[in-house]
Amino acid sequence: MPMLDYWNSRIERAPLDELREIQARKLRQLVDTVYRSSQFYRKRFKEAGVKPEDIKTLDDVTKLPFTFKKDLRDNYPTNMFCVPLNQVVRFHVSSGTTGKPTVVGYTRGDIDCWTTSLARALTACGLGRGDVIQVSYGYGLFTGGLGLHYGAEEIGASVIPMGVGNTERQIELMQDLHATAIACTPSYLLHMNEVAKKMGISIKDETDLKVAILGAEPWSLETRKRIEDTMGIKAYDIYGTSELSGPLFTECKEQNGIHVWADHFLLEVVDKNGDPVKEGQRGELAVTTLSKEALPLIRYRVGDITILNNEECECGRTHPRIMRILGRADDMLIIRGINVFPSQIESVLMTIPEVGEHFQIIADRSGELDELTVRVEVTKAAFSDKLADLMKLEKKIEYELHKVLNLSTKVELVETGTLPRSQGKSQKVIDKRKI
């Protein structure tokens, strides 16, 4: 195995038994703390018939009740905090687009833990002192920008705190300040590449960019390949949620799963009923925060669908990995009884050379029958004045989608630039059945 850099080799390569001992000790401490400090958890524990002394081993975690995003909203703004507000050094707040926002508080220790987690993660991607990292996630109440910013500074990199928007300026500074890495959503990076081409600039040939840290929305391996091939960079998946502390974990250079630091987080993957799935099966991620002080969460149902991998990685890190996020439980479409994830559709589209980077999924109902339409941008080279050519391409895409989804879809081809662009999380799905 080639020598690789680690932010903290001793803990990142710790034996599994040692990691489990750390987790068990921290779990017992956590349960005792929230029982004493949180009226919410004390009530929830009593409803579940569990007391702190009942939690002795890691296996006992299943005795504890789940926590949901609704709990955070119902206790808005700070009723679930476990420290006095004078110990909170920062607040982050979700957008609240689907209801009341969620408020997350951070102690100094929480900020330090978050920063360390990202320092480990960015180092695993091969970044460090001498790199210039352009942070093109949103700053402010959104966690992405400040999270990456602190982590990048911690590893000794130089930071360009761009935020989102002003895309032409982003590209100019990428060139002028010799950015070697960028952190943003995959959809925004694709948009940035599109704008660069209009400016007559090749990101692949006329910038120093070598790494992209991409997340905040599901994206497929096929999209990764397209990004890497067209831009000449390595694209790494990053994961986190605002409730857990924003961006926290990335893949390593092996690009085979996202490393989650077991000394700070305990993972479970469960089915819709909350029961553990078998090893290697997909399910919903549930996370217990073992080190958070202001807003610790126990068995928090994140809503993301993934597969847990507990095997040691080829990079030598022993911490568990979550495999590529397949979608969100609440983003899954059920069309005529078949489960459809947007990532499945994206995977198919990105393998077809004539297809551009942008698409939109529309679920609708005709009478009692659900219908699925996929609007697809076609590359300029492939967009033809000949109706027969376009119809042939439509049929090709419909055929490839049917093979994967086992479902008939309607495909609509549109010219490049037709579909809306996003500087943050892309909105790929419109479910008109809910309107």
Protein backbone atom coordinates (compact mmCIF):
# COMPACT_ATOMS: atom_id res chain seq x y z
CA MET A 1 0.00 0.00 0.00
CA PRO A 2 1.46 3.39 -0.96
CA MET A 3 2.18 5.83 1.85
CA LEU A 4 -0.66 8.31 2.25
CA ASP A 5 -0.99 11.41 4.37
CA TYR A 6 -3.25 11.41 7.41
CA TRP A 7 -4.31 14.32 9.58
CA ASN A 8 -4.11 12.06 12.66
CA SER A 9 -2.69 8.68 11.67
CA ARG A 10 -3.05 7.13 15.12
CA ILE A 11 -6.80 7.68 15.41
CA GLU A 12 -7.64 7.32 11.69
CA ARG A 13 -5.95 3.91 11.62
CA ALA A 14 -6.94 2.84 15.13
CA PRO A 15 -7.89 -0.83 15.58
CA LEU A 16 -11.62 -1.48 15.37
CA ASP A 17 -11.75 -2.74 18.97
CA GLU A 18 -10.27 0.54 20.17
CA LEU A 19 -12.79 2.56 18.17
CA ARG A 20 -15.68 0.54 19.56
CA GLU A 21 -14.41 1.07 23.12
CA ILE A 22 -14.30 4.83 22.49
CA GLN A 23 -17.82 4.74 21.06
CA ALA A 24 -19.23 2.72 23.95
CA ARG A 25 -17.67 5.04 26.54
CA LYS A 26 -18.88 8.18 24.76
CA LEU A 27 -22.36 6.71 24.25
CA ARG A 28 -22.75 6.09 27.98
CA GLN A 29 -21.56 9.62 28.73
CA LEU A 30 -23.90 11.08 26.13
CA VAL A 31 -26.98 9.28 27.42
CA ASP A 32 -26.22 10.37 30.97
CA THR A 33 -25.67 13.97 29.84
CA VAL A 34 -28.87 14.35 27.81
CA TYR A 35 -30.94 12.64 30.52
CA ARG A 36 -29.75 15.27 33.01
CA SER A 37 -29.64 18.28 30.66
CA SER A 38 -32.48 17.83 28.18
CA GLN A 39 -36.13 17.85 29.14
CA PHE A 40 -36.92 16.58 25.65
CA TYR A 41 -34.71 13.49 25.90
CA ARG A 42 -35.66 12.78 29.50
CA LYS A 43 -39.30 12.65 28.44
CA ARG A 44 -38.52 10.62 25.33
CA PHE A 45 -36.47 8.09 27.35
CA LYS A 46 -39.28 7.66 29.86
CA GLU A 47 -41.75 7.05 27.02
CA ALA A 48 -39.39 4.37 25.67
CA GLY A 49 -38.92 2.84 29.13
CA VAL A 50 -35.14 3.28 29.14
CA LYS A 51 -32.78 4.77 31.73
CA PRO A 52 -29.10 5.72 31.42
CA GLU A 53 -28.03 2.67 33.45
CA ASP A 54 -29.63 0.45 30.78
CA ILE A 55 -26.98 1.52 28.24
CA LYS A 56 -23.86 -0.56 28.86
CA THR A 57 -22.66 -1.64 25.40
CA LEU A 58 -22.92 -0.38 21.84
CA ASP A 59 -25.61 -2.95 21.12
CA ASP A 60 -27.80 -1.21 23.70
CA VAL A 61 -28.14 1.79 21.38
CA THR A 62 -31.20 0.10 19.85
CA LYS A 63 -33.00 0.54 23.18
CA LEU A 64 -32.90 4.30 22.67
CA PRO A 65 -35.61 6.19 20.79
CA PHE A 66 -35.04 7.79 17.40
CA THR A 67 -34.84 11.55 16.92
CA PHE A 68 -36.43 13.23 13.88
CA LYS A 69 -36.19 16.60 12.16
CA LYS A 70 -39.76 17.25 13.32
CA ASP A 71 -38.46 17.15 16.90
CA LEU A 72 -36.07 19.99 16.14
CA ARG A 73 -38.84 22.03 14.54
CA ASP A 74 -41.28 21.33 17.35
CA ASN A 75 -38.70 22.54 19.86
CA TYR A 76 -37.75 25.65 17.90
CA PRO A 77 -35.59 27.53 18.50
CA THR A 78 -33.39 26.22 21.33
CA ASN A 79 -35.46 23.92 23.53
CA MET A 80 -33.33 20.87 22.66
CA PHE A 81 -30.03 22.53 23.58
CA CYS A 82 -28.06 20.84 26.36
CA VAL A 83 -25.88 23.79 27.42
CA PRO A 84 -26.71 27.32 28.65
CA LEU A 85 -26.97 29.81 25.80
CA ASN A 86 -23.96 31.72 27.12
CA GLN A 87 -21.83 28.70 26.09
CA VAL A 88 -23.08 28.85 22.49
CA VAL A 89 -20.58 30.65 20.26
CA ARG A 90 -22.46 30.29 16.96
CA PHE A 91 -25.89 29.54 15.50
CA HIS A 92 -26.71 28.10 12.10
CA VAL A 93 -30.28 27.97 10.82
CA SER A 94 -31.81 25.86 8.04
CA SER A 95 -33.87 27.49 5.30
CA GLY A 96 -37.19 26.27 6.67
CA THR A 97 -38.61 25.84 3.16
CA THR A 98 -40.70 22.85 4.24
CA GLY A 99 -41.81 24.15 7.63
CA LYS A 100 -40.23 25.81 10.65
CA PRO A 101 -36.46 26.16 10.32
CA THR A 102 -34.09 24.14 12.47
CA VAL A 103 -31.66 25.99 14.71
CA VAL A 104 -28.32 24.40 15.60
CA GLY A 105 -26.03 25.85 18.24
CA TYR A 106 -22.30 25.28 18.62
CA THR A 107 -20.00 25.51 21.61
CA ARG A 108 -16.31 26.22 21.11
CA GLY A 109 -15.74 22.48 21.48
CA ASP A 110 -18.33 21.76 18.76
CA ILE A 111 -16.59 24.15 16.34
CA ASP A 112 -13.22 22.54 17.09
CA CYS A 113 -14.63 19.04 16.53
CA TRP A 114 -16.25 20.13 13.25
CA THR A 115 -13.00 21.72 12.08
CA THR A 116 -10.95 18.64 12.98
CA SER A 117 -13.38 16.37 11.17
CA LEU A 118 -12.97 18.40 7.99
CA ALA A 119 -9.20 18.61 8.42
CA ARG A 120 -9.07 14.82 8.41
CA ALA A 121 -11.42 14.71 5.43
CA LEU A 122 -9.62 17.26 3.26
CA THR A 123 -6.29 15.61 4.01
CA ALA A 124 -7.79 12.31 2.85
CA CYS A 125 -8.49 14.03 -0.50
CA GLY A 126 -4.81 14.91 -0.84
CA LEU A 127 -5.15 18.58 0.12
CA GLY A 128 -2.92 20.52 2.50
CA ARG A 129 -0.49 23.40 2.88
CA GLY A 130 0.24 25.01 -0.46
CA ASP A 131 -3.25 24.38 -1.85
CA VAL A 132 -5.62 27.23 -2.68
CA ILE A 133 -9.22 26.18 -1.95
CA GLN A 134 -12.08 28.15 -3.49
CA VAL A 135 -15.13 27.77 -1.23
CA SER A 136 -18.21 28.27 -3.40
CA TYR A 137 -20.78 27.05 -0.92
CA GLY A 138 -23.07 29.60 0.71
CA TYR A 139 -21.77 31.51 3.72
CA GLY A 140 -23.95 32.75 6.55
CA LEU A 141 -26.75 30.73 8.14
CA PHE A 142 -26.05 27.85 5.72
CA THR A 143 -23.28 25.63 7.13
CA GLY A 144 -21.41 24.78 3.92
CA GLY A 145 -19.25 27.85 3.43
CA LEU A 146 -17.98 28.40 6.97
CA GLY A 147 -17.55 24.66 7.54
CA LEU A 148 -15.24 24.19 4.56
CA HIS A 149 -13.53 27.51 5.31
CA TYR A 150 -12.46 26.52 8.82
CA GLY A 151 -11.40 23.04 7.72
CA ALA A 152 -9.32 24.39 4.84
CA GLU A 153 -7.54 26.89 7.06
CA GLU A 154 -6.88 24.17 9.63
CA ILE A 155 -4.87 22.10 7.12
CA GLY A 156 -2.83 25.15 6.17
CA ALA A 157 -4.44 25.81 2.79
CA SER A 158 -5.20 29.29 1.47
CA VAL A 159 -8.92 30.03 1.17
CA ILE A 160 -10.86 32.03 -1.42
CA PRO A 161 -14.20 32.64 0.37
CA MET A 162 -16.31 33.11 -2.76
CA GLY A 163 -19.73 31.92 -1.63
CA VAL A 164 -22.26 31.34 -4.41
CA GLY A 165 -23.10 33.41 -7.45
CA ASN A 166 -21.20 35.86 -9.66
CA THR A 167 -19.99 32.93 -11.73
CA GLU A 168 -17.80 34.85 -14.17
CA ARG A 169 -15.95 36.43 -11.26
CA GLN A 170 -15.56 32.96 -9.72
CA ILE A 171 -13.82 31.76 -12.87
CA GLU A 172 -11.60 34.83 -13.10
CA LEU A 173 -10.39 34.46 -9.52
CA MET A 174 -9.95 30.72 -10.00
CA GLN A 175 -7.43 31.60 -12.70
CA ASP A 176 -5.84 34.68 -11.13
CA LEU A 177 -5.37 33.19 -7.64
CA HIS A 178 -4.41 29.76 -8.99
CA ALA A 179 -7.07 27.79 -7.14
CA THR A 180 -6.11 24.12 -6.88
CA ALA A 181 -9.40 22.96 -5.34
CA ILE A 182 -13.03 24.05 -5.29
CA ALA A 183 -15.86 23.16 -2.91
CA CYS A 184 -19.42 23.55 -4.21
CA THR A 185 -22.44 21.57 -5.38
CA PRO A 186 -21.87 19.33 -8.41
CA SER A 187 -24.63 21.10 -10.31
CA TYR A 188 -22.97 24.48 -9.73
CA LEU A 189 -19.59 23.19 -10.89
CA LEU A 190 -21.22 21.93 -14.09
CA HIS A 191 -22.82 25.34 -14.53
CA MET A 192 -19.47 27.00 -13.86
CA ASN A 193 -17.84 24.88 -16.56
CA GLU A 194 -20.62 25.88 -18.96
CA VAL A 195 -20.07 29.58 -18.23
CA ALA A 196 -16.30 29.18 -18.59
CA LYS A 197 -16.77 27.77 -22.08
CA LYS A 198 -18.89 30.80 -23.03
CA MET A 199 -16.05 33.01 -21.74
CA GLY A 200 -13.62 31.12 -23.97
CA ILE A 201 -11.88 29.56 -20.94
CA SER A 202 -11.05 25.87 -20.49
CA ILE A 203 -11.07 24.89 -16.81
CA LYS A 204 -9.16 21.77 -17.80
CA ASP A 205 -6.37 23.54 -19.69
CA GLU A 206 -6.32 27.10 -18.37
CA THR A 207 -6.63 26.76 -14.59
CA ASP A 208 -4.65 25.00 -11.85
CA LEU A 209 -7.73 23.21 -10.54
CA LYS A 210 -7.02 19.59 -9.58
CA VAL A 211 -9.63 18.68 -6.94
CA ALA A 212 -13.35 19.32 -6.44
CA ILE A 213 -15.12 18.68 -3.12
CA LEU A 214 -18.74 18.22 -4.15
CA GLY A 215 -21.90 17.63 -2.13
CA ALA A 216 -25.10 19.09 -0.64
CA GLU A 217 -27.12 17.16 -3.26
CA PRO A 218 -27.11 13.56 -4.51
CA TRP A 219 -24.96 12.96 -7.59
CA SER A 220 -24.03 9.81 -9.44
CA LEU A 221 -20.78 8.04 -10.31
CA GLU A 222 -21.57 8.78 -13.94
CA THR A 223 -21.75 12.51 -13.18
CA ARG A 224 -18.40 12.20 -11.38
CA LYS A 225 -16.85 10.60 -14.47
CA ARG A 226 -18.21 13.34 -16.71
CA ILE A 227 -16.85 16.06 -14.40
CA GLU A 228 -13.45 14.41 -14.12
CA ASP A 229 -13.13 13.75 -17.85
CA THR A 230 -14.25 17.19 -19.03
CA MET A 231 -12.42 19.25 -16.40
CA GLY A 232 -9.35 17.10 -15.79
CA ILE A 233 -9.80 17.00 -12.00
CA LYS A 234 -10.51 14.51 -9.23
CA ALA A 235 -14.03 14.90 -7.82
CA TYR A 236 -14.63 13.79 -4.21
CA ASP A 237 -17.96 13.31 -2.48
CA ILE A 238 -18.53 15.24 0.76
CA TYR A 239 -21.30 14.56 3.27
CA GLY A 240 -22.94 16.28 6.18
CA THR A 241 -26.22 17.82 7.24
CA SER A 242 -26.97 21.10 8.97
CA GLU A 243 -28.27 19.23 12.04
CA LEU A 244 -25.04 17.22 12.43
CA SER A 245 -22.72 20.22 11.78
CA GLY A 246 -22.84 20.78 8.04
CA PRO A 247 -20.13 19.22 5.85
CA LEU A 248 -18.12 16.70 7.87
CA PHE A 249 -16.86 13.72 5.88
CA THR A 250 -15.37 12.98 2.46
CA GLU A 251 -14.08 10.13 0.42
CA CYS A 252 -10.36 9.42 0.43
CA LYS A 253 -8.17 9.04 -2.66
CA GLU A 254 -9.62 5.55 -3.18
CA GLN A 255 -13.03 7.17 -3.92
CA ASN A 256 -14.81 4.14 -2.51
CA GLY A 257 -17.10 5.39 0.21
CA ILE A 258 -17.19 8.35 2.60
CA HIS A 259 -15.18 7.96 5.81
CA VAL A 260 -17.19 8.77 8.95
CA TRP A 261 -15.12 9.38 12.07
CA ALA A 262 -16.20 6.72 14.54
CA ASP A 263 -14.67 8.49 17.55
CA HIS A 264 -17.27 11.25 17.09
CA PHE A 265 -20.25 9.56 15.41
CA LEU A 266 -22.10 6.26 15.73
CA LEU A 267 -23.86 5.05 12.58
CA GLU A 268 -26.82 2.79 11.92
CA VAL A 269 -28.65 1.98 8.69
CA VAL A 270 -32.30 1.09 9.25
CA ASP A 271 -35.39 0.22 7.24
CA LYS A 272 -38.59 2.28 7.18
CA ASN A 273 -39.70 0.62 10.44
CA GLY A 274 -36.44 1.53 12.19
CA ASP A 275 -35.06 -2.02 12.22
CA PRO A 276 -31.39 -2.56 11.27
CA VAL A 277 -30.87 -3.75 7.70
CA LYS A 278 -28.50 -6.59 6.87
CA GLU A 279 -24.86 -5.84 6.09
CA GLY A 280 -24.54 -4.47 2.57
CA GLN A 281 -28.23 -3.57 2.21
CA ARG A 282 -29.41 -0.04 1.66
CA GLY A 283 -31.51 1.82 4.18
CA GLU A 284 -31.91 5.13 5.96
CA LEU A 285 -28.95 6.56 7.82
CA ALA A 286 -29.34 7.18 11.56
CA VAL A 287 -26.57 9.04 13.39
CA THR A 288 -25.74 9.45 17.06
CA THR A 289 -23.43 12.39 17.77
CA LEU A 290 -20.95 11.22 20.40
CA SER A 291 -19.04 14.47 20.91
CA LYS A 292 -21.49 17.34 20.31
CA GLU A 293 -22.18 19.53 23.31
CA ALA A 294 -24.76 22.19 22.42
CA LEU A 295 -27.16 20.02 20.42
CA PRO A 296 -26.33 16.32 20.74
CA LEU A 297 -28.58 14.02 18.74
CA ILE A 298 -29.43 10.40 19.52
CA ARG A 299 -30.27 8.04 16.66
CA TYR A 300 -31.13 10.96 14.41
CA ARG A 301 -32.99 9.77 11.30
CA VAL A 302 -31.19 11.78 8.64
CA GLY A 303 -33.46 10.74 5.77
CA ASP A 304 -30.60 9.84 3.40
CA ILE A 305 -30.50 6.40 1.80
CA THR A 306 -27.13 4.66 1.81
CA ILE A 307 -25.20 1.43 2.49
CA LEU A 308 -22.86 1.03 5.48
CA ASN A 309 -19.42 -0.50 4.91
CA ASN A 310 -17.45 -1.47 8.04
CA GLU A 311 -14.47 -3.00 6.23
CA GLU A 312 -11.04 -1.37 6.45
CA CYS A 313 -10.41 0.86 3.44
CA GLU A 314 -7.51 0.34 1.05
CA CYS A 315 -6.18 3.69 2.28
CA GLY A 316 -5.60 2.16 5.71
CA ARG A 317 -8.33 4.06 7.53
CA THR A 318 -10.38 1.81 9.80
CA HIS A 319 -13.40 4.06 10.33
CA PRO A 320 -16.71 3.00 8.75
CA ARG A 321 -17.75 4.29 5.36
CA ILE A 322 -21.11 5.21 3.96
CA MET A 323 -21.38 4.43 0.30
CA ARG A 324 -22.65 7.00 -2.19
CA ILE A 325 -25.95 8.57 -1.09
CA LEU A 326 -28.67 7.05 -3.30
CA GLY A 327 -31.21 9.74 -2.51
CA ARG A 328 -33.46 10.89 0.28
CA ALA A 329 -36.29 8.89 1.71
CA ASP A 330 -38.57 11.88 1.13
CA ASP A 331 -37.22 12.46 -2.43
CA MET A 332 -38.07 8.96 -3.58
CA LEU A 333 -40.86 8.92 -6.13
CA ILE A 334 -43.34 6.05 -6.21
CA ILE A 335 -44.57 5.70 -9.78
CA ARG A 336 -47.12 2.94 -10.38
CA GLY A 337 -45.79 1.09 -7.34
CA ILE A 338 -42.14 1.34 -8.36
CA ASN A 339 -39.58 3.22 -6.25
CA VAL A 340 -37.64 5.74 -8.33
CA PHE A 341 -34.67 7.80 -7.11
CA PRO A 342 -33.46 10.83 -9.10
CA SER A 343 -29.92 9.46 -8.85
CA GLN A 344 -30.95 6.39 -10.87
CA ILE A 345 -32.14 8.61 -13.70
CA GLU A 346 -29.02 10.76 -13.51
CA SER A 347 -26.82 7.64 -13.71
CA VAL A 348 -28.46 6.61 -16.96
CA LEU A 349 -28.42 10.06 -18.57
CA MET A 350 -24.75 10.70 -17.84
CA THR A 351 -23.74 7.60 -19.82
CA ILE A 352 -25.34 8.94 -23.02
CA PRO A 353 -22.89 11.23 -24.89
CA GLU A 354 -25.61 13.28 -26.60
CA VAL A 355 -27.10 14.30 -23.24
CA GLY A 356 -25.99 17.51 -21.53
CA GLU A 357 -25.46 17.99 -17.80
CA HIS A 358 -28.93 19.26 -16.89
CA PHE A 359 -32.25 17.46 -16.62
CA GLN A 360 -35.59 17.72 -14.83
CA ILE A 361 -37.95 15.03 -13.57
CA ILE A 362 -41.70 15.71 -13.58
CA ALA A 363 -44.16 13.37 -11.88
CA ASP A 364 -47.80 13.92 -12.78
CA ARG A 365 -51.08 12.03 -12.85
CA SER A 366 -53.40 11.44 -15.78
CA GLY A 367 -56.68 10.21 -14.37
CA GLU A 368 -55.68 7.46 -11.93
CA LEU A 369 -52.37 6.72 -13.65
CA ASP A 370 -49.02 8.18 -12.55
CA GLU A 371 -46.77 9.47 -15.31
CA LEU A 372 -43.06 10.26 -15.29
CA THR A 373 -41.54 12.75 -17.72
CA VAL A 374 -37.82 13.46 -17.97
CA ARG A 375 -36.84 16.72 -19.65
CA VAL A 376 -33.30 16.43 -20.96
CA GLU A 377 -30.93 19.03 -22.35
CA VAL A 378 -29.11 17.85 -25.46
CA THR A 379 -25.58 18.96 -26.36
CA LYS A 380 -25.34 21.55 -29.10
CA ALA A 381 -23.58 19.05 -31.35
CA ALA A 382 -26.38 16.51 -30.94
CA PHE A 383 -29.33 18.90 -31.23
CA SER A 384 -30.56 18.45 -34.79
CA ASP A 385 -33.01 20.19 -37.07
CA LYS A 386 -34.02 16.76 -38.30
CA LEU A 387 -37.05 15.55 -36.37
CA ALA A 388 -36.16 11.93 -37.10
CA ASP A 389 -32.78 12.30 -35.37
CA LEU A 390 -34.36 13.77 -32.24
CA MET A 391 -37.06 11.11 -32.12
CA LYS A 392 -34.40 8.42 -32.43
CA LEU A 393 -32.48 9.94 -29.49
CA GLU A 394 -35.68 10.18 -27.42
CA LYS A 395 -36.38 6.50 -27.99
CA LYS A 396 -32.80 5.61 -27.08
CA ILE A 397 -33.03 7.47 -23.76
CA GLU A 398 -36.46 6.00 -22.99
CA TYR A 399 -35.11 2.52 -23.68
CA GLU A 400 -32.07 3.00 -21.38
CA LEU A 401 -34.26 4.40 -18.60
CA HIS A 402 -36.68 1.51 -18.87
CA LYS A 403 -33.84 -1.00 -18.48
CA VAL A 404 -32.87 0.51 -15.14
CA LEU A 405 -36.22 1.65 -13.75
CA ASN A 406 -38.40 -1.12 -15.18
CA LEU A 407 -40.82 1.70 -15.88
CA SER A 408 -41.94 3.51 -19.03
CA THR A 409 -41.02 7.19 -19.06
CA LYS A 410 -41.67 10.01 -21.45
CA VAL A 411 -38.56 11.89 -22.59
CA GLU A 412 -38.63 15.50 -23.79
CA LEU A 413 -35.48 16.85 -25.45
CA VAL A 414 -34.66 20.55 -25.07
CA GLU A 415 -31.79 22.74 -26.20
CA THR A 416 -28.79 23.50 -24.00
CA GLY A 417 -29.54 26.38 -21.62
CA THR A 418 -33.30 25.74 -21.51
CA LEU A 419 -33.60 24.29 -18.00
CA PRO A 420 -33.11 26.44 -14.88
CA ARG A 421 -29.61 26.63 -13.37
CA SER A 422 -28.87 26.55 -9.65
CA GLN A 423 -26.05 28.15 -7.69
CA GLY A 424 -26.93 26.07 -4.63
CA LYS A 425 -28.80 22.80 -4.35
CA SER A 426 -30.40 21.93 -7.65
CA GLN A 427 -34.14 21.28 -7.88
CA LYS A 428 -34.32 18.35 -10.24
CA VAL A 429 -37.72 16.97 -9.23
CA ILE A 430 -41.18 18.51 -9.67
CA ASP A 431 -43.97 16.35 -8.27
CA LYS A 432 -47.18 17.88 -9.58
CA ARG A 433 -49.21 15.24 -7.75
CA LYS A 434 -48.49 17.15 -4.51
CA ILE A 435 -49.40 20.57 -5.87
